[in-house]
Amino acid sequence: MAGQVQRLIEAAAHPRVRVQVLTFAQGSHVGMAGSFGIFSFPGDPGGDISFADTMAGSLFIERQAEV
């Protein structure tokens, strides 16, 4: 586990990476069901896009209210 934490620290140093940690006290979170990411494209008027990888398959979410 120490190696995983070290890798997160290294990744967080990158200017385009943000690492966020939730405590168990926060309860369940949609991200616990699988991996996800939020992609931002500078200068794109369409806004951000989120990607979720679930047991049912992959999902791209483009509606800003849902991202």
C-alpha atoms as a PDB file:
ATOM      1  CA  MET A   1       0.000   0.000   0.000  1.00  0.00           C
ATOM      2  CA  ALA A   2       2.910   2.370   0.646  1.00  0.00           C
ATOM      3  CA  GLY A   3       3.846   2.103  -3.028  1.00  0.00           C
ATOM      4  CA  GLN A   4       0.320   3.063  -4.067  1.00  0.00           C
ATOM      5  CA  VAL A   5       0.333   6.096  -1.791  1.00  0.00           C
ATOM      6  CA  GLN A   6       3.715   7.154  -3.157  1.00  0.00           C
ATOM      7  CA  ARG A   7       2.391   6.865  -6.721  1.00  0.00           C
ATOM      8  CA  LEU A   8      -0.600   9.064  -5.823  1.00  0.00           C
ATOM      9  CA  ILE A   9       1.752  11.666  -4.362  1.00  0.00           C
ATOM     10  CA  GLU A  10       3.799  11.636  -7.567  1.00  0.00           C
ATOM     11  CA  ALA A  11       0.696  11.911  -9.753  1.00  0.00           C
ATOM     12  CA  ALA A  12      -0.690  14.787  -7.662  1.00  0.00           C
ATOM     13  CA  ALA A  13       2.462  16.797  -8.414  1.00  0.00           C
ATOM     14  CA  HIS A  14       1.460  16.945 -12.093  1.00  0.00           C
ATOM     15  CA  PRO A  15      -0.288  20.245 -12.932  1.00  0.00           C
ATOM     16  CA  ARG A  16      -3.141  18.477 -14.752  1.00  0.00           C
ATOM     17  CA  VAL A  17      -3.910  15.945 -12.031  1.00  0.00           C
ATOM     18  CA  ARG A  18      -6.034  16.489  -8.941  1.00  0.00           C
ATOM     19  CA  VAL A  19      -6.230  13.775  -6.305  1.00  0.00           C
ATOM     20  CA  GLN A  20      -9.195  13.933  -3.948  1.00  0.00           C
ATOM     21  CA  VAL A  21      -9.699  11.624  -0.975  1.00  0.00           C
ATOM     22  CA  LEU A  22     -13.006  10.907   0.743  1.00  0.00           C
ATOM     23  CA  THR A  23     -13.142   9.631   4.287  1.00  0.00           C
ATOM     24  CA  PHE A  24     -15.350   6.705   5.292  1.00  0.00           C
ATOM     25  CA  ALA A  25     -17.385   9.192   7.360  1.00  0.00           C
ATOM     26  CA  GLN A  26     -18.591  10.760   4.087  1.00  0.00           C
ATOM     27  CA  GLY A  27     -20.545   7.607   3.289  1.00  0.00           C
ATOM     28  CA  SER A  28     -20.952   6.025  -0.127  1.00  0.00           C
ATOM     29  CA  HIS A  29     -19.970   7.841  -3.298  1.00  0.00           C
ATOM     30  CA  VAL A  30     -20.821   7.087  -6.923  1.00  0.00           C
ATOM     31  CA  GLY A  31     -17.109   6.580  -7.634  1.00  0.00           C
ATOM     32  CA  MET A  32     -17.028   3.525  -5.386  1.00  0.00           C
ATOM     33  CA  ALA A  33     -18.860   1.470  -8.026  1.00  0.00           C
ATOM     34  CA  GLY A  34     -15.967   1.718 -10.478  1.00  0.00           C
ATOM     35  CA  SER A  35     -13.440   4.101 -11.919  1.00  0.00           C
ATOM     36  CA  PHE A  36     -14.357   7.485 -13.331  1.00  0.00           C
ATOM     37  CA  GLY A  37     -12.702  10.604 -14.668  1.00  0.00           C
ATOM     38  CA  ILE A  38     -13.617  14.163 -15.543  1.00  0.00           C
ATOM     39  CA  PHE A  39     -12.066  15.579 -18.675  1.00  0.00           C
ATOM     40  CA  SER A  40     -11.726  19.324 -19.209  1.00  0.00           C
ATOM     41  CA  PHE A  41     -10.743  20.736 -22.583  1.00  0.00           C
ATOM     42  CA  PRO A  42      -9.431  24.325 -22.520  1.00  0.00           C
ATOM     43  CA  GLY A  43     -11.262  26.549 -24.967  1.00  0.00           C
ATOM     44  CA  ASP A  44     -14.041  23.997 -25.553  1.00  0.00           C
ATOM     45  CA  PRO A  45     -17.413  25.746 -25.197  1.00  0.00           C
ATOM     46  CA  GLY A  46     -19.082  22.368 -24.576  1.00  0.00           C
ATOM     47  CA  GLY A  47     -17.700  22.100 -21.043  1.00  0.00           C
ATOM     48  CA  ASP A  48     -16.413  19.058 -19.181  1.00  0.00           C
ATOM     49  CA  ILE A  49     -17.117  15.391 -19.960  1.00  0.00           C
ATOM     50  CA  SER A  50     -17.142  12.638 -17.370  1.00  0.00           C
ATOM     51  CA  PHE A  51     -16.368   8.984 -17.974  1.00  0.00           C
ATOM     52  CA  ALA A  52     -17.549   6.159 -15.749  1.00  0.00           C
ATOM     53  CA  ASP A  53     -16.461   2.548 -16.029  1.00  0.00           C
ATOM     54  CA  THR A  54     -19.076   0.294 -14.425  1.00  0.00           C
ATOM     55  CA  MET A  55     -19.935  -3.393 -14.365  1.00  0.00           C
ATOM     56  CA  ALA A  56     -22.553  -2.687 -17.063  1.00  0.00           C
ATOM     57  CA  GLY A  57     -20.036  -0.989 -19.363  1.00  0.00           C
ATOM     58  CA  SER A  58     -18.571   2.418 -20.070  1.00  0.00           C
ATOM     59  CA  LEU A  59     -20.556   5.635 -19.870  1.00  0.00           C
ATOM     60  CA  PHE A  60     -19.742   9.133 -21.101  1.00  0.00           C
ATOM     61  CA  ILE A  61     -21.716  11.958 -19.494  1.00  0.00           C
ATOM     62  CA  GLU A  62     -21.807  15.303 -21.284  1.00  0.00           C
ATOM     63  CA  ARG A  63     -24.766  17.109 -19.655  1.00  0.00           C
ATOM     64  CA  GLN A  64     -23.115  19.746 -17.510  1.00  0.00           C
ATOM     65  CA  ALA A  65     -25.641  19.353 -14.707  1.00  0.00           C
ATOM     66  CA  GLU A  66     -24.689  15.660 -14.444  1.00  0.00           C
ATOM     67  CA  VAL A  67     -20.927  16.039 -14.833  1.00  0.00           C
END
